[in-house]
């Protein structure tokens, strides 16, 4: 532990997986404070294995970022937990790029961050999972719904994975989850309550939570003998919100291809080559996803991607779309080319954002025609939004709509010809790591 004369540093203290209770306990030290997090998995014999212990160690490594950011000291000490060069590479990017938005908003520079602690040689434990048994993390939005329906078509052993706080389930996840009819593997994550203390003087801001949840999902998959974790992160998740000092700042870093590739290398190093981690939608645009989702009418009455549906405080959590936030605006924009206005009004409980003139500024930001930067939200890039607007404006059933007409005219003043091609967004974009047996059907 750090003494009073030492510079403050963040220390990985220890972790433990109790196979009997299914609890992974992670302990960290920052100055005089100790933080303890618990992740609860379903107890079972699969947890009492070297593979499960190897995966739980990665949860420990990833979850530390939630406590490091309370003070963001210049040194991270792994203590008695040796890490391999590939793990250091993964974690350096996870901290520097994953906390890019946090650093930008707090006006701090993390580029000098130093890692200390013993190095280890790579060593894969024995793990023989059942083939064709993927685990799909499910968040209830259009992305994970489309992934679920694509994967289950060819892999009848598919199960879904949900993480929640202890005793607290989100209705926006549970309702579409019930529509799938698939088995569900669950985990509970209990943050140390100290990090929620507003009076503690901690730094605050966004952490790359998808990276933490990915490590938990891998542990759950390994414990149940599954051979893959299939994510639902699209092409635009790799697009930065802005650039500061030559470094990209991406709200969605832990959904990016860079994170995926680094983490996959770490998993292969620890679990061998029979386990895979990848995003099914990596080379797909948000428009491709929205067009697929538009066909899944059974989910339209129950899905809800509004930010306020996921408020930590249940008293502030909405049981309907707010119809005003950046996420509501974006979902409306990408679905509008493929659904009738009446269907979208029904989805948004009569408050479709594209019919609300007070939201023109939000749409202008999504379209890149305002002075504001791309919102720090899980939304698509400017090109996708412009293509969505173009396709929506071409629909006869939306002709003459005031908000749509104003946005179309404003975009035309900025980029000129509104007849710019949109077909490229329905073709593969960039590279992906999707194994051959998982590639989505072409139509």
Protein backbone atom coordinates (compact mmCIF):
# COMPACT_ATOMS: atom_id res chain seq x y z
CA UNK A 1 0.00 0.00 0.00
CA UNK A 2 1.11 3.56 -0.66
CA UNK A 3 2.69 5.39 2.30
CA UNK A 4 2.05 9.04 3.14
CA UNK A 5 5.43 10.06 1.69
CA UNK A 6 4.81 8.48 -1.73
CA UNK A 7 3.23 10.33 -4.67
CA UNK A 8 -0.37 9.28 -5.10
CA UNK A 9 -0.77 6.33 -7.42
CA UNK A 10 -3.52 3.93 -8.37
CA UNK A 11 -2.86 0.36 -7.23
CA UNK A 12 -4.42 -2.90 -8.27
CA UNK A 13 -4.55 -4.66 -4.92
CA UNK A 14 -6.09 -8.11 -5.44
CA UNK A 15 -9.04 -10.01 -6.84
CA UNK A 16 -10.79 -13.27 -6.06
CA UNK A 17 -13.32 -15.50 -7.80
CA UNK A 18 -15.51 -17.49 -5.41
CA UNK A 19 -16.91 -20.32 -7.52
CA UNK A 20 -19.39 -21.26 -4.79
CA UNK A 21 -21.13 -17.89 -4.71
CA UNK A 22 -20.26 -16.74 -8.23
CA UNK A 23 -18.79 -13.48 -6.90
CA UNK A 24 -15.71 -11.82 -8.38
CA UNK A 25 -14.26 -9.38 -5.83
CA UNK A 26 -11.91 -6.67 -7.10
CA UNK A 27 -9.94 -4.43 -4.74
CA UNK A 28 -8.03 -1.24 -5.62
CA UNK A 29 -6.16 1.38 -3.60
CA UNK A 30 -5.82 5.10 -4.25
CA UNK A 31 -3.87 6.91 -1.55
CA UNK A 32 -5.67 6.24 1.73
CA UNK A 33 -8.81 4.92 0.03
CA UNK A 34 -9.66 1.36 -0.86
CA UNK A 35 -12.31 0.60 -3.44
CA UNK A 36 -14.00 -2.81 -3.62
CA UNK A 37 -16.22 -3.88 -6.49
CA UNK A 38 -18.24 -7.08 -6.75
CA UNK A 39 -19.46 -8.81 -9.88
CA UNK A 40 -21.97 -11.58 -9.26
CA UNK A 41 -22.31 -14.39 -11.78
CA UNK A 42 -24.51 -17.48 -11.66
CA UNK A 43 -22.72 -20.07 -9.48
CA UNK A 44 -21.84 -23.32 -11.20
CA UNK A 45 -19.06 -25.81 -11.87
CA UNK A 46 -17.88 -23.78 -14.86
CA UNK A 47 -16.61 -21.10 -12.49
CA UNK A 48 -14.30 -23.53 -10.72
CA UNK A 49 -11.93 -23.74 -13.69
CA UNK A 50 -8.65 -22.19 -14.77
CA UNK A 51 -10.43 -20.59 -17.74
CA UNK A 52 -12.98 -18.84 -15.53
CA UNK A 53 -10.24 -17.61 -13.22
CA UNK A 54 -8.29 -16.28 -16.22
CA UNK A 55 -11.37 -14.43 -17.46
CA UNK A 56 -12.15 -13.04 -13.98
CA UNK A 57 -8.63 -11.61 -13.86
CA UNK A 58 -9.45 -9.60 -17.00
CA UNK A 59 -12.56 -8.25 -15.25
CA UNK A 60 -10.24 -7.08 -12.48
CA UNK A 61 -7.93 -5.40 -14.96
CA UNK A 62 -10.75 -3.66 -16.84
CA UNK A 63 -12.93 -2.59 -13.90
CA UNK A 64 -10.12 -0.64 -12.25
CA UNK A 65 -10.68 2.26 -14.65
CA UNK A 66 -13.87 3.24 -12.79
CA UNK A 67 -11.80 3.99 -9.68
CA UNK A 68 -8.66 5.30 -11.31
CA UNK A 69 -10.63 8.18 -12.81
CA UNK A 70 -11.62 9.51 -9.37
CA UNK A 71 -8.21 11.22 -9.24
CA UNK A 72 -6.41 10.18 -12.46
CA UNK A 73 -2.91 9.98 -10.94
CA UNK A 74 0.15 9.64 -13.22
CA UNK A 75 1.07 6.09 -12.09
CA UNK A 76 -0.86 2.82 -12.24
CA UNK A 77 0.74 -0.01 -10.25
CA UNK A 78 -0.40 -3.57 -10.97
CA UNK A 79 1.19 -4.74 -7.73
CA UNK A 80 1.20 -8.52 -7.41
CA UNK A 81 -0.71 -9.01 -10.69
CA UNK A 82 1.78 -9.68 -13.50
CA UNK A 83 0.62 -8.52 -16.94
CA UNK A 84 1.83 -9.48 -20.39
CA UNK A 85 2.99 -6.98 -23.04
CA UNK A 86 -0.27 -7.52 -24.95
CA UNK A 87 -2.28 -6.81 -21.81
CA UNK A 88 -0.28 -3.63 -21.19
CA UNK A 89 -0.91 -2.58 -24.78
CA UNK A 90 -4.66 -3.20 -24.37
CA UNK A 91 -4.82 -1.38 -21.05
CA UNK A 92 -2.77 1.62 -22.18
CA UNK A 93 -5.21 2.24 -25.04
CA UNK A 94 -8.15 1.47 -22.75
CA UNK A 95 -7.04 4.15 -20.28
CA UNK A 96 -5.76 6.79 -22.69
CA UNK A 97 -8.37 6.45 -25.45
CA UNK A 98 -11.17 5.10 -23.30
CA UNK A 99 -10.81 8.10 -20.98
CA UNK A 100 -10.35 10.54 -23.88
CA UNK A 101 -13.70 12.24 -23.32
CA UNK A 102 -13.14 12.26 -19.54
CA UNK A 103 -9.73 13.92 -19.96
CA UNK A 104 -11.09 16.44 -22.47
CA UNK A 105 -13.98 17.50 -20.25
CA UNK A 106 -11.79 17.74 -17.15
CA UNK A 107 -8.97 19.56 -18.94
CA UNK A 108 -6.29 17.03 -18.01
CA UNK A 109 -3.53 15.31 -19.99
CA UNK A 110 -3.14 11.56 -19.48
CA UNK A 111 -0.45 11.04 -22.11
CA UNK A 112 2.29 10.66 -19.48
CA UNK A 113 0.49 7.81 -17.71
CA UNK A 114 2.98 5.19 -16.45
CA UNK A 115 2.32 1.51 -15.75
CA UNK A 116 4.36 -0.31 -13.13
CA UNK A 117 4.42 -3.89 -11.93
CA UNK A 118 5.85 -7.26 -12.96
CA UNK A 119 5.67 -8.51 -16.53
CA UNK A 120 4.43 -12.00 -17.39
CA UNK A 121 4.88 -14.39 -20.28
CA UNK A 122 1.72 -15.25 -22.24
CA UNK A 123 0.09 -18.50 -21.16
CA UNK A 124 -3.22 -19.87 -22.43
CA UNK A 125 -5.17 -22.09 -20.04
CA UNK A 126 -7.03 -25.17 -21.19
CA UNK A 127 -10.52 -24.34 -22.43
CA UNK A 128 -12.73 -26.57 -24.59
CA UNK A 129 -16.02 -24.73 -25.23
CA UNK A 130 -19.02 -26.12 -27.04
CA UNK A 131 -19.04 -25.06 -30.69
CA UNK A 132 -21.81 -22.85 -32.02
CA UNK A 133 -22.87 -21.56 -28.61
CA UNK A 134 -22.52 -17.76 -28.75
CA UNK A 135 -23.39 -15.32 -25.99
CA UNK A 136 -24.83 -12.00 -27.22
CA UNK A 137 -24.72 -9.00 -24.84
CA UNK A 138 -28.19 -7.47 -25.06
CA UNK A 139 -29.00 -3.82 -24.39
CA UNK A 140 -32.46 -3.63 -25.91
CA UNK A 141 -31.57 -1.19 -28.72
CA UNK A 142 -31.83 -1.70 -32.46
CA UNK A 143 -28.21 -2.88 -32.70
CA UNK A 144 -28.35 -5.76 -30.24
CA UNK A 145 -31.82 -6.75 -31.48
CA UNK A 146 -30.57 -7.03 -35.07
CA UNK A 147 -27.48 -8.95 -33.93
CA UNK A 148 -29.63 -11.35 -31.92
CA UNK A 149 -31.91 -12.12 -34.83
CA UNK A 150 -28.99 -12.56 -37.25
CA UNK A 151 -27.03 -14.85 -34.92
CA UNK A 152 -29.89 -17.06 -33.79
CA UNK A 153 -30.78 -17.81 -37.44
CA UNK A 154 -27.69 -20.00 -37.81
CA UNK A 155 -26.81 -20.77 -34.18
CA UNK A 156 -29.72 -22.31 -32.26
CA UNK A 157 -27.54 -22.50 -29.14
CA UNK A 158 -27.51 -18.69 -28.82
CA UNK A 159 -28.09 -17.12 -25.41
CA UNK A 160 -28.31 -13.48 -24.40
CA UNK A 161 -26.31 -11.71 -21.72
CA UNK A 162 -27.50 -8.89 -19.46
CA UNK A 163 -25.63 -6.97 -16.77
CA UNK A 164 -27.53 -4.96 -14.19
CA UNK A 165 -27.05 -3.37 -10.83
CA UNK A 166 -27.99 -5.58 -7.92
CA UNK A 167 -31.77 -5.84 -7.70
CA UNK A 168 -32.37 -3.32 -10.48
CA UNK A 169 -33.47 -4.30 -13.98
CA UNK A 170 -34.14 -1.83 -16.80
CA UNK A 171 -37.58 -2.16 -18.35
CA UNK A 172 -36.10 -0.91 -21.65
CA UNK A 173 -33.99 -4.09 -21.72
CA UNK A 174 -36.42 -6.56 -20.17
CA UNK A 175 -39.33 -5.90 -22.54
CA UNK A 176 -37.49 -6.59 -25.83
CA UNK A 177 -35.59 -9.37 -24.07
CA UNK A 178 -38.88 -11.15 -23.44
CA UNK A 179 -39.77 -10.90 -27.14
CA UNK A 180 -36.65 -12.86 -28.12
CA UNK A 181 -37.69 -15.93 -26.14
CA UNK A 182 -34.01 -16.89 -25.82
CA UNK A 183 -32.27 -18.08 -22.65
CA UNK A 184 -30.58 -15.34 -20.64
CA UNK A 185 -27.31 -15.40 -18.73
CA UNK A 186 -27.21 -12.64 -16.13
CA UNK A 187 -24.61 -10.85 -14.04
CA UNK A 188 -24.81 -8.11 -11.44
CA UNK A 189 -22.20 -5.41 -11.03
CA UNK A 190 -21.94 -3.57 -7.70
CA UNK A 191 -19.69 -0.50 -7.85
CA UNK A 192 -18.03 0.64 -4.65
CA UNK A 193 -20.53 3.23 -3.33
CA UNK A 194 -17.70 5.68 -2.67
CA UNK A 195 -17.50 6.56 -6.38
CA UNK A 196 -21.11 7.76 -6.27
CA UNK A 197 -20.41 10.19 -3.42
CA UNK A 198 -20.78 13.65 -4.97
CA UNK A 199 -19.17 15.25 -1.94
CA UNK A 200 -15.93 13.27 -2.07
CA UNK A 201 -14.20 15.69 -4.43
CA UNK A 202 -13.60 13.05 -7.11
CA UNK A 203 -13.10 13.81 -10.77
CA UNK A 204 -16.15 12.76 -12.72
CA UNK A 205 -16.87 11.79 -16.30
CA UNK A 206 -17.41 9.09 -18.88
CA UNK A 207 -15.66 5.73 -18.56
CA UNK A 208 -15.47 3.11 -21.34
CA UNK A 209 -18.02 0.88 -19.67
CA UNK A 210 -18.52 -1.40 -22.69
CA UNK A 211 -14.96 -2.63 -22.18
CA UNK A 212 -15.75 -3.60 -18.60
CA UNK A 213 -19.00 -5.27 -19.57
CA UNK A 214 -17.16 -7.14 -22.34
CA UNK A 215 -14.81 -8.69 -19.80
CA UNK A 216 -17.76 -9.67 -17.60
CA UNK A 217 -19.54 -11.17 -20.61
CA UNK A 218 -16.45 -13.21 -21.47
CA UNK A 219 -16.31 -14.57 -17.93
CA UNK A 220 -19.99 -15.51 -18.07
CA UNK A 221 -19.48 -17.17 -21.46
CA UNK A 222 -16.48 -19.16 -20.26
CA UNK A 223 -18.31 -20.22 -17.09
CA UNK A 224 -21.15 -21.62 -19.20
CA UNK A 225 -18.87 -23.31 -21.74
CA UNK A 226 -19.65 -20.97 -24.64
CA UNK A 227 -17.27 -20.31 -27.51
CA UNK A 228 -18.00 -16.70 -28.49
CA UNK A 229 -19.13 -13.31 -27.27
CA UNK A 230 -20.82 -11.48 -30.15
CA UNK A 231 -21.01 -7.71 -29.80
CA UNK A 232 -23.24 -5.25 -31.69
CA UNK A 233 -20.88 -2.37 -32.42
CA UNK A 234 -21.16 -0.78 -35.86
CA UNK A 235 -18.67 0.83 -38.21
CA UNK A 236 -19.31 4.35 -36.90
CA UNK A 237 -18.41 3.36 -33.32
CA UNK A 238 -14.79 3.81 -34.44
CA UNK A 239 -15.42 7.41 -35.54
CA UNK A 240 -14.12 10.07 -33.12
CA UNK A 241 -16.22 12.94 -31.83
CA UNK A 242 -13.36 15.38 -32.20
CA UNK A 243 -9.56 15.61 -32.19
CA UNK A 244 -7.55 17.34 -29.47
CA UNK A 245 -3.79 17.81 -29.71
CA UNK A 246 -3.53 15.26 -32.48
CA UNK A 247 -5.39 12.60 -30.46
CA UNK A 248 -8.86 11.36 -31.34
CA UNK A 249 -11.54 11.68 -28.67
CA UNK A 250 -14.17 8.97 -29.13
CA UNK A 251 -17.10 8.60 -26.73
CA UNK A 252 -17.50 5.04 -28.03
CA UNK A 253 -13.85 3.95 -27.85
CA UNK A 254 -14.59 0.64 -26.11
CA UNK A 255 -17.03 -0.14 -28.94
CA UNK A 256 -14.38 0.60 -31.59
CA UNK A 257 -12.46 -1.79 -33.83
CA UNK A 258 -9.23 -0.76 -32.10
CA UNK A 259 -10.52 -1.88 -28.70
CA UNK A 260 -12.02 -5.04 -30.17
CA UNK A 261 -8.77 -6.11 -31.82
CA UNK A 262 -6.61 -5.41 -28.76
CA UNK A 263 -8.99 -7.19 -26.40
CA UNK A 264 -9.31 -10.16 -28.77
CA UNK A 265 -5.51 -10.58 -28.74
CA UNK A 266 -5.56 -10.64 -24.95
CA UNK A 267 -8.35 -13.23 -24.95
CA UNK A 268 -6.49 -15.50 -27.37
CA UNK A 269 -3.41 -15.19 -25.20
CA UNK A 270 -5.38 -16.23 -22.10
CA UNK A 271 -8.00 -18.65 -23.44
CA UNK A 272 -6.51 -20.01 -26.65
CA UNK A 273 -7.88 -20.00 -30.17
CA UNK A 274 -11.24 -21.72 -29.67
CA UNK A 275 -12.87 -18.69 -28.08
CA UNK A 276 -13.78 -15.62 -30.16
CA UNK A 277 -14.83 -12.06 -29.38
CA UNK A 278 -16.02 -9.86 -32.23
CA UNK A 279 -18.72 -7.44 -33.33
CA UNK A 280 -21.17 -8.80 -35.89
CA UNK A 281 -21.98 -5.27 -37.11
CA UNK A 282 -18.42 -3.95 -37.37
CA UNK A 283 -18.55 -3.23 -41.11
CA UNK A 284 -22.21 -2.18 -41.09
CA UNK A 285 -23.60 1.34 -41.06
CA UNK A 286 -26.34 2.52 -38.76
CA UNK A 287 -28.54 2.73 -41.85
CA UNK A 288 -27.93 -0.96 -42.63
CA UNK A 289 -28.90 -1.80 -39.04
CA UNK A 290 -31.97 0.43 -39.09
CA UNK A 291 -33.19 -1.07 -42.35
CA UNK A 292 -32.92 -4.58 -40.85
CA UNK A 293 -34.62 -3.46 -37.64
CA UNK A 294 -37.50 -1.90 -39.56
CA UNK A 295 -38.45 -5.42 -40.69
CA UNK A 296 -38.67 -6.69 -37.09
CA UNK A 297 -42.14 -5.32 -36.31
CA UNK A 298 -42.54 -7.43 -33.17
CA UNK A 299 -39.91 -5.29 -31.44
CA UNK A 300 -41.25 -1.88 -32.47
CA UNK A 301 -43.71 -1.50 -29.56
CA UNK A 302 -41.20 -2.54 -26.88
CA UNK A 303 -37.72 -1.23 -27.72
CA UNK A 304 -36.56 2.06 -26.18
CA UNK A 305 -33.12 3.59 -26.71
CA UNK A 306 -33.85 6.91 -25.02
CA UNK A 307 -31.10 7.97 -22.62
CA UNK A 308 -33.60 8.65 -19.86
CA UNK A 309 -34.78 5.04 -19.94
CA UNK A 310 -31.39 4.12 -18.44
CA UNK A 311 -31.10 6.69 -15.67
CA UNK A 312 -29.28 5.24 -12.66
CA UNK A 313 -31.82 6.90 -10.35
CA UNK A 314 -35.10 4.95 -10.73
CA UNK A 315 -37.04 8.07 -9.76
CA UNK A 316 -35.71 9.87 -12.85
CA UNK A 317 -36.04 6.89 -15.18
CA UNK A 318 -38.69 7.25 -17.89
CA UNK A 319 -40.95 4.41 -18.98
CA UNK A 320 -41.38 6.05 -22.40
CA UNK A 321 -39.30 7.89 -25.00
CA UNK A 322 -38.53 11.46 -23.95
CA UNK A 323 -38.56 12.40 -27.64
CA UNK A 324 -36.02 15.19 -27.10
CA UNK A 325 -32.53 13.83 -26.33
CA UNK A 326 -29.78 13.29 -28.91
CA UNK A 327 -30.38 9.54 -28.86
CA UNK A 328 -34.11 9.92 -29.53
CA UNK A 329 -33.35 12.28 -32.43
CA UNK A 330 -30.77 9.94 -33.91
CA UNK A 331 -32.94 6.81 -33.70
CA UNK A 332 -35.81 8.67 -35.34
CA UNK A 333 -33.50 9.95 -38.08
CA UNK A 334 -32.11 6.54 -39.05
CA UNK A 335 -35.46 4.76 -38.90
CA UNK A 336 -37.32 7.44 -40.86
CA UNK A 337 -36.17 6.23 -44.31
CA UNK A 338 -37.69 2.79 -43.66
CA UNK A 339 -40.86 3.32 -41.60
CA UNK A 340 -44.04 5.23 -42.26
CA UNK A 341 -44.54 8.45 -40.24
CA UNK A 342 -47.50 6.89 -38.44
CA UNK A 343 -45.33 3.98 -37.29
CA UNK A 344 -42.70 6.36 -35.93
CA UNK A 345 -45.32 8.45 -34.14
CA UNK A 346 -46.51 5.26 -32.48
CA UNK A 347 -42.97 4.27 -31.47
CA UNK A 348 -42.32 7.70 -29.95
CA UNK A 349 -45.69 7.84 -28.18
CA UNK A 350 -46.90 10.67 -30.42
CA UNK A 351 -43.75 12.75 -29.91
CA UNK A 352 -41.68 11.99 -32.99
CA UNK A 353 -38.58 14.26 -32.86
CA UNK A 354 -38.67 15.05 -36.59
CA UNK A 355 -42.05 16.72 -36.03
CA UNK A 356 -40.75 18.96 -33.23
CA UNK A 357 -39.39 22.28 -34.52
CA UNK A 358 -37.63 22.99 -31.21
CA UNK A 359 -35.23 20.10 -31.95
CA UNK A 360 -33.87 21.46 -35.23
CA UNK A 361 -30.60 22.37 -33.49
CA UNK A 362 -30.09 18.78 -32.33
CA UNK A 363 -30.60 17.45 -35.84
CA UNK A 364 -28.31 20.15 -37.24
CA UNK A 365 -25.55 18.94 -34.91
CA UNK A 366 -26.06 15.32 -35.96
CA UNK A 367 -25.87 16.45 -39.59
CA UNK A 368 -22.67 18.43 -39.03
CA UNK A 369 -24.20 21.74 -40.11
CA UNK A 370 -23.98 23.57 -36.79
CA UNK A 371 -21.03 24.93 -34.84
CA UNK A 372 -21.37 22.19 -32.24
CA UNK A 373 -19.27 19.02 -32.24
CA UNK A 374 -20.79 15.55 -32.61
CA UNK A 375 -22.67 14.77 -29.38
CA UNK A 376 -20.89 12.63 -26.80
CA UNK A 377 -23.48 9.93 -27.30
CA UNK A 378 -23.72 6.56 -29.04
CA UNK A 379 -24.86 8.02 -32.36
CA UNK A 380 -23.73 7.56 -35.95
CA UNK A 381 -21.36 9.76 -37.88
CA UNK A 382 -22.24 12.81 -39.95
CA UNK A 383 -22.26 10.94 -43.27
CA UNK A 384 -24.76 8.36 -42.02
CA UNK A 385 -27.03 11.09 -40.65
CA UNK A 386 -26.90 13.04 -43.91
CA UNK A 387 -27.71 9.90 -45.90
CA UNK A 388 -30.64 9.18 -43.58
CA UNK A 389 -32.00 12.70 -44.07
CA UNK A 390 -31.61 12.43 -47.84
CA UNK A 391 -33.50 9.12 -47.98
CA UNK A 392 -36.23 10.38 -45.65
CA UNK A 393 -36.73 13.54 -47.71
CA UNK A 394 -37.29 11.37 -50.78
CA UNK A 395 -40.29 9.61 -49.19
CA UNK A 396 -43.59 10.87 -50.67
CA UNK A 397 -45.34 10.42 -47.32
CA UNK A 398 -43.02 13.01 -45.73
CA UNK A 399 -43.26 15.64 -48.44
CA UNK A 400 -43.65 19.18 -47.13
CA UNK A 401 -42.92 18.41 -43.48
CA UNK A 402 -41.61 21.68 -41.93
CA UNK A 403 -38.65 20.36 -39.88
CA UNK A 404 -37.52 17.98 -42.59
CA UNK A 405 -37.77 20.68 -45.26
CA UNK A 406 -35.74 23.16 -43.22
CA UNK A 407 -33.03 20.61 -42.45
CA UNK A 408 -32.85 19.53 -46.06
CA UNK A 409 -32.47 23.14 -47.25
CA UNK A 410 -29.81 23.86 -44.59
CA UNK A 411 -27.85 20.76 -45.55
CA UNK A 412 -28.05 21.67 -49.24
CA UNK A 413 -26.51 25.07 -48.47
CA UNK A 414 -23.57 23.35 -46.79
CA UNK A 415 -22.88 20.36 -49.01
CA UNK A 416 -24.59 21.32 -52.27
CA UNK A 417 -26.25 18.56 -54.27
CA UNK A 418 -28.72 16.63 -52.12
CA UNK A 419 -28.56 13.81 -54.64
CA UNK A 420 -25.31 12.52 -53.16
CA UNK A 421 -25.14 8.69 -53.31
CA UNK A 422 -26.40 6.83 -50.24
CA UNK A 423 -25.96 3.26 -51.51
CA UNK A 424 -22.47 2.93 -50.01
CA UNK A 425 -24.01 2.81 -46.53
CA UNK A 426 -25.72 -0.47 -47.39
CA UNK A 427 -22.44 -2.12 -48.41
CA UNK A 428 -19.63 -3.30 -46.08
CA UNK A 429 -17.59 -0.40 -44.71
CA UNK A 430 -14.02 -0.97 -43.61
CA UNK A 431 -12.79 -4.21 -42.11
CA UNK A 432 -14.23 -6.59 -39.55
CA UNK A 433 -13.25 -9.68 -37.60
CA UNK A 434 -16.45 -11.67 -38.11
CA UNK A 435 -15.78 -15.43 -38.52
CA UNK A 436 -17.25 -16.99 -41.71
CA UNK A 437 -19.96 -18.90 -39.87
CA UNK A 438 -21.39 -15.70 -38.39
CA UNK A 439 -21.58 -13.35 -41.36
CA UNK A 440 -25.05 -11.79 -41.68
CA UNK A 441 -27.24 -12.88 -44.57
CA UNK A 442 -26.84 -10.49 -47.51
CA UNK A 443 -30.55 -9.62 -47.67
